[in-house]
Amino acid sequence: MIENEDNTISELLADITTMIGDFPKALKRRAALVQATGKDPDLVGKLINAADTMRDSGNLYITWARHFAALAEGNTDARSDEDETEDFDV
C-alpha cells in the first residue's frame, strides 16, 4: 500500500514538473506568434514577462514539491541542495 502511494506521488510529481515546465514555453511561443503578426506589442511583453515569472515560480514550487515527496517517502532529513533554476529554461 505505501509503495503504491510512493509511486502515485512520484508519478504526480513527474506530471506536475512537465506541466509547469511546458507552461512558460507555451506562453513564449504565443508571444512569438503575436509578435509575428505584428498585432499587439504590449501583449508580447506581458506574455514574455509572464513566462519568466511562471518559470521562476515553477522552479520554487517544484523544489518544495520534491522536498515534500521525499518526506512522504520517509526521508525525514529531506532537504534540497539542488539548484532548480535551470529546470525550466525557456
N, C-alpha and C. Protein backbone atom coordinates (compact mmCIF):
# COMPACT_ATOMS: atom_id res chain seq x y z
N MET A 1 0.82 -1.19 0.00
CA MET A 1 0.00 0.00 0.00
C MET A 1 0.87 1.26 0.00
N ILE A 2 1.87 1.33 0.89
CA ILE A 2 2.74 2.51 0.94
C ILE A 2 3.55 2.63 -0.34
N GLU A 3 4.03 1.50 -0.87
CA GLU A 3 4.80 1.54 -2.10
C GLU A 3 3.95 2.07 -3.26
N ASN A 4 2.69 1.67 -3.29
CA ASN A 4 1.77 2.16 -4.31
C ASN A 4 1.58 3.67 -4.19
N GLU A 5 1.46 4.14 -2.96
CA GLU A 5 1.29 5.58 -2.73
C GLU A 5 2.57 6.33 -3.13
N ASP A 6 3.75 5.74 -2.84
CA ASP A 6 5.01 6.35 -3.26
C ASP A 6 5.05 6.49 -4.77
N ASN A 7 4.58 5.46 -5.48
CA ASN A 7 4.54 5.52 -6.94
C ASN A 7 3.61 6.63 -7.42
N THR A 8 2.46 6.75 -6.76
CA THR A 8 1.50 7.79 -7.11
C THR A 8 2.12 9.17 -6.93
N ILE A 9 2.78 9.38 -5.81
CA ILE A 9 3.41 10.68 -5.54
C ILE A 9 4.49 10.96 -6.57
N SER A 10 5.31 9.98 -6.88
CA SER A 10 6.36 10.16 -7.89
C SER A 10 5.78 10.46 -9.26
N GLU A 11 4.73 9.76 -9.63
CA GLU A 11 4.09 10.00 -10.93
C GLU A 11 3.47 11.39 -10.99
N LEU A 12 2.80 11.79 -9.93
CA LEU A 12 2.20 13.12 -9.90
C LEU A 12 3.27 14.20 -9.96
N LEU A 13 4.36 14.00 -9.24
CA LEU A 13 5.46 14.96 -9.26
C LEU A 13 6.03 15.09 -10.68
N ALA A 14 6.18 13.96 -11.36
CA ALA A 14 6.68 14.00 -12.75
C ALA A 14 5.70 14.74 -13.65
N ASP A 15 4.41 14.49 -13.48
CA ASP A 15 3.39 15.17 -14.29
C ASP A 15 3.40 16.68 -14.03
N ILE A 16 3.45 17.04 -12.77
CA ILE A 16 3.46 18.46 -12.39
C ILE A 16 4.70 19.15 -12.95
N THR A 17 5.84 18.49 -12.84
CA THR A 17 7.09 19.06 -13.34
C THR A 17 7.00 19.31 -14.84
N THR A 18 6.43 18.37 -15.57
CA THR A 18 6.28 18.53 -17.02
C THR A 18 5.36 19.70 -17.33
N MET A 19 4.22 19.75 -16.67
CA MET A 19 3.26 20.82 -16.96
C MET A 19 3.80 22.20 -16.58
N ILE A 20 4.44 22.27 -15.43
CA ILE A 20 4.98 23.56 -15.00
C ILE A 20 6.11 24.00 -15.94
N GLY A 21 6.85 23.05 -16.48
CA GLY A 21 7.90 23.39 -17.43
C GLY A 21 7.35 23.78 -18.79
N ASP A 22 6.25 23.16 -19.19
CA ASP A 22 5.68 23.43 -20.51
C ASP A 22 4.93 24.76 -20.57
N PHE A 23 4.35 25.18 -19.46
CA PHE A 23 3.51 26.38 -19.48
C PHE A 23 4.27 27.64 -19.90
N PRO A 24 5.42 27.96 -19.29
CA PRO A 24 6.12 29.17 -19.74
C PRO A 24 6.59 29.07 -21.19
N LYS A 25 6.93 27.88 -21.62
CA LYS A 25 7.33 27.70 -23.02
C LYS A 25 6.17 28.01 -23.96
N ALA A 26 4.97 27.58 -23.57
CA ALA A 26 3.78 27.87 -24.38
C ALA A 26 3.50 29.37 -24.42
N LEU A 27 3.69 30.05 -23.30
CA LEU A 27 3.50 31.50 -23.27
C LEU A 27 4.49 32.19 -24.20
N LYS A 28 5.73 31.73 -24.20
CA LYS A 28 6.74 32.33 -25.09
C LYS A 28 6.41 32.06 -26.56
N ARG A 29 5.92 30.86 -26.85
CA ARG A 29 5.51 30.57 -28.24
C ARG A 29 4.37 31.49 -28.66
N ARG A 30 3.40 31.68 -27.76
CA ARG A 30 2.29 32.57 -28.08
C ARG A 30 2.79 34.00 -28.29
N ALA A 31 3.72 34.44 -27.47
CA ALA A 31 4.30 35.78 -27.63
C ALA A 31 4.95 35.91 -29.00
N ALA A 32 5.66 34.87 -29.42
CA ALA A 32 6.31 34.90 -30.74
C ALA A 32 5.28 34.97 -31.86
N LEU A 33 4.17 34.25 -31.70
CA LEU A 33 3.11 34.30 -32.71
C LEU A 33 2.47 35.69 -32.78
N VAL A 34 2.20 36.26 -31.62
CA VAL A 34 1.61 37.60 -31.59
C VAL A 34 2.58 38.60 -32.21
N GLN A 35 3.86 38.46 -31.89
CA GLN A 35 4.86 39.37 -32.45
C GLN A 35 4.95 39.20 -33.97
N ALA A 36 4.89 37.96 -34.43
CA ALA A 36 4.98 37.70 -35.87
C ALA A 36 3.81 38.33 -36.65
N THR A 37 2.66 38.40 -36.01
CA THR A 37 1.51 39.01 -36.68
C THR A 37 1.54 40.53 -36.59
N GLY A 38 2.40 41.05 -35.71
CA GLY A 38 2.52 42.49 -35.55
C GLY A 38 1.34 43.15 -34.88
N LYS A 39 0.54 42.35 -34.17
CA LYS A 39 -0.71 42.87 -33.61
C LYS A 39 -0.53 43.75 -32.38
N ASP A 40 -0.06 43.19 -31.29
CA ASP A 40 -0.09 43.90 -30.01
C ASP A 40 1.26 43.79 -29.30
N PRO A 41 2.16 44.76 -29.51
CA PRO A 41 3.48 44.69 -28.89
C PRO A 41 3.41 44.69 -27.35
N ASP A 42 2.41 45.34 -26.78
CA ASP A 42 2.27 45.32 -25.32
C ASP A 42 1.97 43.91 -24.82
N LEU A 43 1.14 43.20 -25.56
CA LEU A 43 0.80 41.83 -25.18
C LEU A 43 2.04 40.93 -25.25
N VAL A 44 2.87 41.15 -26.26
CA VAL A 44 4.10 40.37 -26.39
C VAL A 44 4.94 40.52 -25.13
N GLY A 45 5.15 41.74 -24.70
CA GLY A 45 5.94 41.99 -23.48
C GLY A 45 5.32 41.37 -22.25
N LYS A 46 4.01 41.48 -22.14
CA LYS A 46 3.31 40.89 -20.99
C LYS A 46 3.46 39.37 -20.97
N LEU A 47 3.34 38.75 -22.13
CA LEU A 47 3.46 37.29 -22.20
C LEU A 47 4.87 36.83 -21.89
N ILE A 48 5.87 37.56 -22.36
CA ILE A 48 7.25 37.20 -22.06
C ILE A 48 7.52 37.35 -20.57
N ASN A 49 7.05 38.45 -19.97
CA ASN A 49 7.22 38.63 -18.52
C ASN A 49 6.47 37.55 -17.75
N ALA A 50 5.28 37.21 -18.21
CA ALA A 50 4.51 36.16 -17.55
C ALA A 50 5.24 34.83 -17.63
N ALA A 51 5.83 34.53 -18.78
CA ALA A 51 6.58 33.28 -18.93
C ALA A 51 7.75 33.23 -17.96
N ASP A 52 8.47 34.34 -17.84
CA ASP A 52 9.61 34.38 -16.91
C ASP A 52 9.14 34.21 -15.46
N THR A 53 8.05 34.88 -15.12
CA THR A 53 7.51 34.78 -13.76
C THR A 53 7.04 33.35 -13.46
N MET A 54 6.33 32.76 -14.41
CA MET A 54 5.83 31.39 -14.20
C MET A 54 6.99 30.39 -14.13
N ARG A 55 8.04 30.60 -14.91
CA ARG A 55 9.20 29.72 -14.85
C ARG A 55 9.84 29.79 -13.46
N ASP A 56 10.06 31.01 -12.98
CA ASP A 56 10.68 31.19 -11.67
C ASP A 56 9.80 30.64 -10.56
N SER A 57 8.51 30.91 -10.62
CA SER A 57 7.57 30.39 -9.62
C SER A 57 7.52 28.86 -9.69
N GLY A 58 7.55 28.34 -10.90
CA GLY A 58 7.54 26.89 -11.08
C GLY A 58 8.75 26.23 -10.46
N ASN A 59 9.92 26.86 -10.63
CA ASN A 59 11.14 26.32 -10.01
C ASN A 59 10.98 26.21 -8.50
N LEU A 60 10.43 27.24 -7.90
CA LEU A 60 10.22 27.24 -6.46
C LEU A 60 9.21 26.17 -6.06
N TYR A 61 8.12 26.10 -6.79
CA TYR A 61 7.07 25.12 -6.50
C TYR A 61 7.62 23.69 -6.58
N ILE A 62 8.37 23.40 -7.64
CA ILE A 62 8.91 22.05 -7.81
C ILE A 62 9.93 21.72 -6.74
N THR A 63 10.72 22.69 -6.32
CA THR A 63 11.67 22.45 -5.23
C THR A 63 10.94 22.01 -3.97
N TRP A 64 9.87 22.73 -3.63
CA TRP A 64 9.08 22.35 -2.45
C TRP A 64 8.37 21.02 -2.66
N ALA A 65 7.84 20.78 -3.84
CA ALA A 65 7.15 19.52 -4.12
C ALA A 65 8.11 18.33 -3.96
N ARG A 66 9.32 18.48 -4.46
CA ARG A 66 10.32 17.40 -4.30
C ARG A 66 10.66 17.18 -2.83
N HIS A 67 10.75 18.27 -2.10
CA HIS A 67 11.02 18.17 -0.66
C HIS A 67 9.92 17.38 0.05
N PHE A 68 8.67 17.75 -0.23
CA PHE A 68 7.55 17.07 0.42
C PHE A 68 7.40 15.64 -0.06
N ALA A 69 7.72 15.36 -1.31
CA ALA A 69 7.68 13.99 -1.81
C ALA A 69 8.71 13.14 -1.08
N ALA A 70 9.89 13.70 -0.86
CA ALA A 70 10.92 12.97 -0.12
C ALA A 70 10.47 12.70 1.32
N LEU A 71 9.84 13.69 1.93
CA LEU A 71 9.30 13.48 3.29
C LEU A 71 8.26 12.37 3.29
N ALA A 72 7.40 12.38 2.27
CA ALA A 72 6.34 11.37 2.18
C ALA A 72 6.92 9.97 2.02
N GLU A 73 8.10 9.87 1.42
CA GLU A 73 8.75 8.57 1.25
C GLU A 73 9.53 8.15 2.48
N GLY A 74 9.46 8.97 3.53
CA GLY A 74 10.10 8.60 4.78
C GLY A 74 11.47 9.22 4.99
N ASN A 75 11.89 10.06 4.11
CA ASN A 75 13.17 10.73 4.26
C ASN A 75 12.95 11.96 5.13
N THR A 76 13.10 11.79 6.44
CA THR A 76 12.82 12.88 7.38
C THR A 76 13.92 13.93 7.37
N ASP A 77 15.02 13.63 6.71
CA ASP A 77 16.12 14.57 6.59
C ASP A 77 16.06 15.28 5.24
N ALA A 78 14.90 15.24 4.60
CA ALA A 78 14.77 15.77 3.24
C ALA A 78 15.08 17.25 3.19
N ARG A 79 15.94 17.57 2.28
CA ARG A 79 16.25 18.95 2.00
C ARG A 79 16.73 19.01 0.57
N SER A 80 16.63 20.14 -0.01
CA SER A 80 17.01 20.27 -1.41
C SER A 80 18.25 21.13 -1.52
N ASP A 81 19.35 20.48 -1.88
CA ASP A 81 20.58 21.21 -2.15
C ASP A 81 20.76 21.44 -3.65
N GLU A 82 19.82 20.89 -4.42
CA GLU A 82 19.93 21.01 -5.86
C GLU A 82 19.47 22.39 -6.31
N ASP A 83 20.09 22.87 -7.36
CA ASP A 83 19.69 24.13 -7.96
C ASP A 83 18.66 23.83 -9.02
N GLU A 84 17.44 24.27 -8.80
CA GLU A 84 16.34 24.00 -9.72
C GLU A 84 16.21 25.08 -10.78
N THR A 85 17.01 26.12 -10.74
CA THR A 85 16.78 27.27 -11.59
C THR A 85 16.90 26.98 -13.08
N GLU A 86 17.56 25.91 -13.45
CA GLU A 86 17.71 25.59 -14.87
C GLU A 86 16.68 24.59 -15.36
N ASP A 87 15.82 24.09 -14.48
CA ASP A 87 14.86 23.04 -14.86
C ASP A 87 13.92 23.46 -15.97
N PHE A 88 13.55 24.73 -16.00
CA PHE A 88 12.52 25.18 -16.94
C PHE A 88 13.04 26.26 -17.86
N ASP A 89 14.25 26.10 -18.32
CA ASP A 89 14.85 27.10 -19.19
C ASP A 89 14.02 27.25 -20.45
N VAL A 90 13.53 28.45 -20.67
CA VAL A 90 12.75 28.74 -21.88
C VAL A 90 13.39 29.84 -22.69
